Protein backbone atom coordinates (compact mmCIF):
# COMPACT_ATOMS: atom_id res chain seq x y z
CA MET A 1 -5.78 34.78 128.92
CA SER A 2 -9.19 34.91 130.40
CA SER A 3 -10.89 38.19 131.21
CA ASN A 4 -11.42 39.14 134.85
CA ILE A 5 -14.71 41.00 133.89
CA SER A 6 -17.89 39.06 134.32
CA PRO A 7 -20.66 39.23 131.88
CA GLN A 8 -22.82 40.95 134.42
CA SER A 9 -20.20 43.67 134.88
CA ALA A 10 -19.77 44.12 131.08
CA GLN A 11 -23.53 44.66 130.68
CA ARG A 12 -23.51 47.21 133.49
CA ALA A 13 -20.68 49.01 131.84
CA ARG A 14 -22.43 49.21 128.55
CA ARG A 15 -25.61 50.52 130.22
CA PRO A 16 -25.88 54.33 129.98
CA THR A 17 -25.84 56.33 133.16
CA LEU A 18 -28.75 58.40 134.22
CA PHE A 19 -26.79 61.57 133.21
CA GLN A 20 -26.07 60.25 129.70
CA THR A 21 -29.69 59.40 129.26
CA MET A 22 -30.87 62.88 130.23
CA ARG A 23 -28.25 64.52 128.08
CA GLU A 24 -29.18 62.54 124.95
CA ALA A 25 -32.83 63.23 125.54
CA ARG A 26 -32.25 66.88 125.81
CA LEU A 27 -30.02 66.97 122.66
CA SER A 28 -32.69 65.06 120.76
CA ARG A 29 -35.24 67.70 121.72
CA ILE A 30 -32.93 70.55 120.79
CA PHE A 31 -32.14 69.19 117.44
CA GLN A 32 -35.88 68.80 116.77
CA ILE A 33 -36.20 72.66 117.12
CA PRO A 34 -35.07 73.63 113.64
CA ALA A 35 -37.06 70.73 112.03
CA ARG A 36 -40.30 72.05 113.73
CA ILE A 37 -39.63 75.69 112.91
CA PHE A 38 -38.26 75.06 109.44
CA PRO A 39 -40.12 71.95 108.12
CA PHE A 40 -38.01 71.45 104.94
CA GLU A 41 -36.31 68.10 104.20
CA GLY A 42 -32.57 67.72 104.50
CA TRP A 43 -31.64 70.38 106.87
CA LYS A 44 -28.99 68.17 108.63
CA ASP A 45 -27.52 67.45 105.12
CA ARG A 46 -27.11 71.23 104.44
CA GLY A 47 -24.52 71.88 107.13
CA PHE A 48 -26.59 72.86 110.20
CA LEU A 49 -24.85 70.43 112.50
CA CYS A 50 -21.34 71.29 111.08
CA VAL A 51 -21.94 75.10 111.61
CA LEU A 52 -23.37 74.42 115.01
CA CYS A 53 -20.35 72.46 116.13
CA VAL A 54 -17.93 75.12 114.82
CA LEU A 55 -19.80 77.76 116.73
CA CYS A 56 -19.76 75.74 119.98
CA GLY A 57 -16.05 74.87 119.64
CA SER A 58 -14.20 71.58 119.65
CA ASN A 59 -16.05 70.45 122.77
CA ALA A 60 -19.39 71.15 121.16
CA VAL A 61 -20.92 67.76 121.54
CA SER A 62 -19.94 67.45 125.29
CA GLY A 63 -20.97 70.98 126.10
CA MET A 64 -24.12 71.09 123.83
CA ARG A 65 -26.55 71.08 126.62
CA GLN A 66 -25.10 74.45 127.89
CA ALA A 67 -24.37 76.14 124.53
CA LEU A 68 -27.76 75.51 122.80
CA VAL A 69 -29.68 77.22 125.50
CA LYS A 70 -27.94 80.42 124.66
CA PRO A 71 -30.23 82.49 122.20
CA PHE A 72 -27.35 84.24 120.26
CA LEU A 73 -26.24 80.87 119.01
CA PHE A 74 -29.42 79.96 117.35
CA LEU A 75 -29.67 83.48 115.99
CA ALA A 76 -26.27 82.88 114.40
CA VAL A 77 -27.33 79.70 112.69
CA LEU A 78 -30.78 81.10 111.56
CA PRO A 79 -29.62 82.76 108.39
CA LEU A 80 -28.14 79.52 107.10
CA ILE A 81 -31.34 77.61 107.76
CA VAL A 82 -33.55 80.30 106.16
CA LEU A 83 -31.47 80.53 103.10
CA SER A 84 -31.25 76.84 102.72
CA ALA A 85 -35.02 76.52 103.05
CA CYS A 86 -35.67 79.21 100.39
CA GLU A 87 -33.19 77.48 97.96
CA SER A 88 -34.94 74.08 98.43
CA ARG A 89 -38.45 75.56 97.78
CA ALA A 90 -37.59 77.85 94.75
CA PRO A 91 -39.64 76.65 91.65
CA GLN A 92 -37.34 75.35 88.87
CA HIS A 93 -38.60 75.63 85.20
CA PRO A 94 -37.66 72.75 82.98
CA PRO A 95 -34.87 73.99 80.64
CA SER A 96 -37.15 73.34 77.50
CA LEU A 97 -39.58 75.94 78.57
CA SER A 98 -39.12 79.48 77.02
CA PRO A 99 -41.16 82.60 77.76
CA LYS A 100 -44.67 82.62 76.46
CA LEU A 101 -45.19 83.59 72.85
CA THR A 102 -47.06 86.85 72.66
CA VAL A 103 -49.77 86.58 69.92
CA VAL A 104 -52.09 89.23 68.66
CA THR A 105 -55.23 88.78 66.72
CA THR A 106 -58.26 90.95 65.65
CA LEU A 107 -61.30 89.10 66.82
CA SER A 108 -62.18 87.40 70.12
CA VAL A 109 -63.50 84.29 68.32
CA LEU A 110 -60.08 83.95 66.57
CA ALA A 111 -58.38 84.58 69.98
CA ASP A 112 -60.25 81.51 71.29
CA LEU A 113 -59.08 79.34 68.43
CA ILE A 114 -55.47 80.39 69.01
CA GLY A 115 -55.66 79.81 72.74
CA GLN A 116 -57.16 76.31 72.16
CA VAL A 117 -54.02 75.35 70.11
CA GLY A 118 -51.51 77.55 72.04
CA GLY A 119 -52.57 76.64 75.51
CA ASP A 120 -50.04 77.74 78.21
CA ARG A 121 -47.43 78.41 75.64
CA VAL A 122 -49.10 81.58 74.26
CA GLU A 123 -50.45 84.86 75.55
CA VAL A 124 -53.04 86.00 73.00
CA LYS A 125 -54.66 89.43 72.78
CA ALA A 126 -57.71 90.28 70.60
CA LEU A 127 -57.76 93.92 69.56
CA VAL A 128 -61.54 93.99 69.03
CA PRO A 129 -63.10 93.42 72.46
CA PRO A 130 -66.11 91.02 73.05
CA GLY A 131 -69.23 92.70 71.75
CA GLY A 132 -67.18 94.97 69.42
CA GLU A 133 -67.91 95.30 65.61
CA PRO A 134 -64.84 94.47 63.55
CA HIS A 135 -66.11 96.02 60.46
CA THR A 136 -66.17 99.51 61.86
CA TYR A 137 -63.65 99.14 64.70
CA GLN A 138 -61.34 102.14 65.24
CA PRO A 139 -57.90 101.02 66.72
CA ALA A 140 -56.85 102.97 69.90
CA PRO A 141 -53.18 104.06 70.64
CA ASN A 142 -52.96 101.18 73.10
CA ASP A 143 -53.55 98.68 70.15
CA LEU A 144 -50.37 100.10 68.45
CA LYS A 145 -48.41 99.13 71.60
CA THR A 146 -50.02 95.76 71.73
CA VAL A 147 -49.12 94.97 68.16
CA ALA A 148 -45.51 96.36 68.81
CA ARG A 149 -45.15 93.70 71.56
CA ALA A 150 -46.33 90.77 69.36
CA ARG A 151 -44.17 88.11 67.99
CA LEU A 152 -46.97 86.82 65.73
CA ILE A 153 -50.22 88.28 64.46
CA PHE A 154 -53.33 86.40 63.01
CA TYR A 155 -56.29 88.02 61.33
CA ASN A 156 -59.19 86.80 59.31
CA GLY A 157 -58.84 88.81 56.04
CA ALA A 158 -61.39 88.72 53.26
CA HIS A 159 -61.87 92.49 53.81
CA LEU A 160 -63.25 92.07 57.38
CA GLU A 161 -60.63 94.16 59.11
CA ALA A 162 -60.05 97.06 56.83
CA TRP A 163 -58.06 98.93 59.59
CA ILE A 164 -55.51 96.16 60.35
CA ASP A 165 -52.97 97.03 57.70
CA ASP A 166 -52.52 100.53 58.88
CA THR A 167 -52.37 99.38 62.56
CA ILE A 168 -49.47 97.03 61.83
CA ARG A 169 -47.62 99.60 59.85
CA HIS A 170 -48.02 102.21 62.45
CA ALA A 171 -46.80 99.88 65.19
CA GLY A 172 -43.36 99.98 63.63
CA LYS A 173 -42.61 96.21 63.21
CA PRO A 174 -41.94 95.58 59.48
CA ASN A 175 -40.72 92.14 60.08
CA LEU A 176 -43.69 90.95 62.28
CA PRO A 177 -44.95 87.56 61.05
CA ILE A 178 -48.49 87.99 59.73
CA VAL A 179 -50.99 85.20 59.09
CA VAL A 180 -54.18 85.69 57.07
CA LEU A 181 -56.47 82.74 58.23
CA SER A 182 -58.86 82.87 55.39
CA GLN A 183 -56.20 82.98 52.63
CA GLY A 184 -56.68 80.34 50.10
CA LEU A 185 -60.01 78.96 51.30
CA PRO A 186 -62.95 78.82 48.97
CA MET A 187 -65.05 82.00 49.50
CA ILE A 188 -68.57 83.02 48.89
CA ARG A 189 -68.76 86.26 47.03
CA GLY A 190 -71.43 89.04 46.75
CA ALA A 191 -73.06 90.47 43.71
CA GLY A 192 -70.03 92.84 43.31
CA GLY A 193 -67.47 90.18 43.72
CA GLU A 194 -66.56 91.05 47.33
CA PRO A 195 -65.85 88.13 49.61
CA ASN A 196 -67.94 87.24 52.55
CA PRO A 197 -65.46 87.13 55.50
CA HIS A 198 -67.36 84.97 57.92
CA LEU A 199 -65.96 81.60 57.00
CA TRP A 200 -65.58 80.31 60.60
CA LEU A 201 -69.35 79.84 60.86
CA ASP A 202 -68.85 76.76 58.80
CA VAL A 203 -66.99 74.39 61.23
CA THR A 204 -64.97 72.86 58.45
CA ASN A 205 -63.43 76.21 57.85
CA ALA A 206 -62.77 76.66 61.48
CA LYS A 207 -60.86 73.45 61.35
CA ALA A 208 -58.70 74.91 58.57
CA TYR A 209 -57.99 77.94 60.72
CA VAL A 210 -56.85 75.71 63.58
CA GLU A 211 -54.55 73.79 61.29
CA ARG A 212 -52.96 76.94 60.04
CA ILE A 213 -52.69 78.26 63.64
CA ARG A 214 -50.86 75.17 64.65
CA ASP A 215 -48.36 75.38 61.69
CA HIS A 216 -47.44 79.06 62.32
CA LEU A 217 -47.17 78.68 66.08
CA THR A 218 -44.75 75.79 65.44
CA LYS A 219 -42.70 77.98 62.86
CA VAL A 220 -42.25 80.80 65.49
CA ASP A 221 -41.86 78.54 68.46
CA GLY A 222 -39.92 75.67 67.09
CA ALA A 223 -39.04 74.26 70.48
CA ASN A 224 -42.61 72.96 71.03
CA PRO A 225 -43.96 71.33 67.86
CA GLY A 226 -45.31 68.30 69.60
CA TYR A 227 -47.20 70.49 72.15
CA TYR A 228 -49.04 72.50 69.45
CA ALA A 229 -49.68 69.24 67.40
CA ASP A 230 -51.24 67.40 70.38
CA ARG A 231 -53.41 70.31 71.28
CA ALA A 232 -54.57 70.96 67.69
CA LYS A 233 -55.35 67.23 67.29
CA ALA A 234 -57.48 67.12 70.41
CA TYR A 235 -59.31 70.34 69.46
CA LEU A 236 -59.94 69.22 65.84
CA ALA A 237 -61.65 66.21 67.32
CA ARG A 238 -63.85 68.34 69.36
CA LEU A 239 -64.73 70.38 66.25
CA ASP A 240 -65.73 67.11 64.42
CA GLU A 241 -68.07 66.45 67.32
CA LEU A 242 -69.51 69.98 67.09
CA ASP A 243 -70.10 69.53 63.39
CA ALA A 244 -71.94 66.30 63.77
CA TRP A 245 -73.91 67.91 66.66
CA ILE A 246 -75.05 70.81 64.49
CA GLN A 247 -76.25 68.65 61.71
CA ALA A 248 -78.23 66.41 64.13
CA GLU A 249 -79.85 69.61 65.65
CA VAL A 250 -80.66 71.13 62.29
CA ALA A 251 -82.44 67.84 61.26
CA LYS A 252 -84.98 68.74 63.86
CA ILE A 253 -86.16 71.55 61.64
CA PRO A 254 -88.56 70.57 58.74
CA ALA A 255 -86.73 71.31 55.46
CA SER A 256 -89.45 73.70 54.37
CA ARG A 257 -88.66 75.95 57.46
CA ARG A 258 -84.94 76.04 57.24
CA LYS A 259 -84.98 79.75 55.96
CA LEU A 260 -82.95 82.59 57.39
CA VAL A 261 -83.62 86.32 57.43
CA THR A 262 -80.72 88.14 59.22
CA PHE A 263 -79.77 91.64 60.00
CA HIS A 264 -76.20 91.20 58.84
CA ASP A 265 -74.98 89.05 55.89
CA ALA A 266 -72.90 86.80 58.18
CA PHE A 267 -74.41 83.44 57.63
CA PRO A 268 -73.78 82.36 54.01
CA TYR A 269 -71.12 79.71 55.08
CA PHE A 270 -73.31 78.51 57.89
CA ALA A 271 -76.29 78.13 55.58
CA ARG A 272 -74.36 76.35 52.83
CA ARG A 273 -72.83 73.84 55.29
CA TYR A 274 -75.93 73.03 57.25
CA GLY A 275 -78.70 73.31 54.62
CA PHE A 276 -80.42 76.69 55.04
CA THR A 277 -81.73 78.99 52.51
CA LEU A 278 -80.89 82.73 52.97
CA GLN A 279 -84.14 84.59 52.45
CA GLY A 280 -83.01 88.15 52.99
CA VAL A 281 -80.67 90.59 54.82
CA VAL A 282 -81.67 93.77 56.60
CA ALA A 283 -78.52 95.96 56.27
CA SER A 284 -74.84 96.15 55.72
CA PRO A 285 -72.51 97.00 58.48
CA GLY A 286 -72.53 100.72 59.30
CA LYS A 287 -75.61 101.35 57.19
CA GLU A 288 -79.24 101.93 58.31
CA PRO A 289 -81.90 100.24 56.11
CA SER A 290 -84.39 102.39 54.38
CA ALA A 291 -88.17 102.13 55.09
CA ARG A 292 -88.71 100.88 51.50
CA HIS A 293 -86.21 98.14 52.06
CA LEU A 294 -87.80 96.99 55.29
CA THR A 295 -91.30 96.96 53.82
CA ALA A 296 -90.19 94.92 50.79
CA LEU A 297 -88.31 92.49 53.19
CA ALA A 298 -91.23 92.08 55.36
CA ARG A 299 -93.44 91.25 52.44
CA GLN A 300 -90.85 88.75 51.20
CA THR A 301 -90.61 87.20 54.69
CA THR A 302 -94.42 86.74 54.86
CA GLN A 303 -94.65 85.22 51.34
CA ALA A 304 -91.82 82.78 51.91
CA GLU A 305 -93.45 81.66 55.26
CA VAL A 306 -90.24 82.30 57.26
CA PRO A 307 -91.03 81.52 60.79
CA ALA A 308 -88.55 83.95 62.44
CA VAL A 309 -85.95 86.70 61.72
CA PHE A 310 -82.60 86.95 63.36
CA ALA A 311 -80.04 89.60 64.52
CA GLU A 312 -76.71 89.54 66.18
CA SER A 313 -76.29 90.92 69.67
CA GLN A 314 -73.99 93.75 68.79
CA PHE A 315 -76.60 95.46 66.60
CA ASN A 316 -79.55 97.50 67.65
CA PRO A 317 -82.54 95.28 67.94
CA LYS A 318 -85.17 97.83 67.15
CA VAL A 319 -84.94 97.42 63.35
CA MET A 320 -85.50 93.66 63.50
CA GLU A 321 -88.34 94.13 65.99
CA VAL A 322 -90.03 96.46 63.56
CA LEU A 323 -89.45 93.94 60.69
CA ALA A 324 -90.87 91.04 62.72
CA THR A 325 -93.95 93.00 63.77
CA GLU A 326 -94.65 94.07 60.08
CA ALA A 327 -94.08 90.42 58.90
CA GLY A 328 -95.94 88.85 61.84
CA VAL A 329 -93.10 86.46 62.83
CA LYS A 330 -90.85 85.79 65.83
CA VAL A 331 -87.61 87.71 66.28
CA VAL A 332 -84.38 86.51 67.78
CA THR A 333 -81.80 89.20 68.57
CA ASN A 334 -78.98 87.44 70.45
CA LEU A 335 -76.99 85.48 67.89
CA TYR A 336 -73.24 85.89 67.68
CA ASN A 337 -70.73 85.72 64.87
CA ASP A 338 -67.77 88.21 64.85
CA SER A 339 -67.51 88.42 68.56
CA LEU A 340 -67.79 86.31 71.66
CA SER A 341 -69.98 87.16 74.45
CA ASP A 342 -69.10 88.90 77.83
CA GLY A 343 -71.17 86.28 79.51
CA PRO A 344 -71.13 82.48 79.45
CA GLU A 345 -73.60 81.86 76.67
CA ALA A 346 -70.98 82.39 73.90
CA ASN A 347 -67.62 82.82 75.46
CA SER A 348 -65.78 80.31 73.21
CA TYR A 349 -66.11 79.31 69.54
CA ILE A 350 -67.80 76.07 70.47
CA ALA A 351 -70.18 77.74 72.84
CA LEU A 352 -70.93 80.39 70.19
CA MET A 353 -71.87 77.82 67.63
CA LYS A 354 -74.01 75.86 70.04
CA HIS A 355 -75.79 78.90 71.13
CA ASN A 356 -76.55 80.06 67.69
CA VAL A 357 -77.80 76.66 66.57
CA THR A 358 -79.92 76.26 69.68
CA GLN A 359 -81.57 79.74 69.17
CA ILE A 360 -82.18 79.02 65.45
CA VAL A 361 -83.57 75.54 65.94
CA ASN A 362 -85.98 76.65 68.72
CA ALA A 363 -87.28 79.51 66.55
CA LEU A 364 -87.76 77.51 63.28
CA LYS A 365 -88.83 74.06 64.27
């Protein structure tokens, strides 16, 4: 049976009326309101339309143009939208990540090595602040609290931190894992058999420290072995580059002028690794040199044709200035060994080594 409706009439029937067009345009503008005010994705999927229709009643769609202009309705929906937005933007930590590992060490230079391996997985605290003297450091009550919060402690050993054992004991953590970084490494010993503790000034010893740090961080934080291994590998490569750079810089000094007179006996490992002769030391930590000793050392410096004398920044430079004046040589008083600097010149282990080498090379070549 043929239809009595002509194609032209059907087309007119499908064409929206003026009222329908205006209503749809208005609804479109209204539904854009929450998207503009709350620019998070998926608000329609989170039930906004459903709640809106319930609040408006069964004739919500047909009466939308009247209901949506009422302020109380939008206020009723507002909490749902806000909560949904907050939920969608809340940061989610990967399940494999655990809280940071709290690590305590004694020296700022060791803290840098630990931080290079531990990265974002560790929070490291050095008890001796930058510019401090670890030989004579006196722990404060806050240091006991710091140690008590630690899950792992590293220290240098070789009699450098004579105060650390009592500090750990008084912190009340008998089961705290303790790592002595210098343990088992070949040591240079003084006339009385005491070990020289400044092993890290030989970059090959610093690499051994890094490997030990990697291994013990992995033991305590067994969920991230690959992380520590990757960071240690990258940093060890940088230390290889540093070691090669130092040897190239030292080669600029004539062999006959590679002689060191220092305030503090901190450079035997450095001298052995990079081809220097230790010509003399002014004083031991915590002790002032006698006038007789300074006179004898000045004479020895002159006779050995040592071009310059050196001191670390944490010591009073006046003694070295007197020695240099009496010997008629240059004086450099801003080397670093036990401690990093407050400023940028030696604020990391690599920066410290480059700073020292640059100062020594410039003074001796």
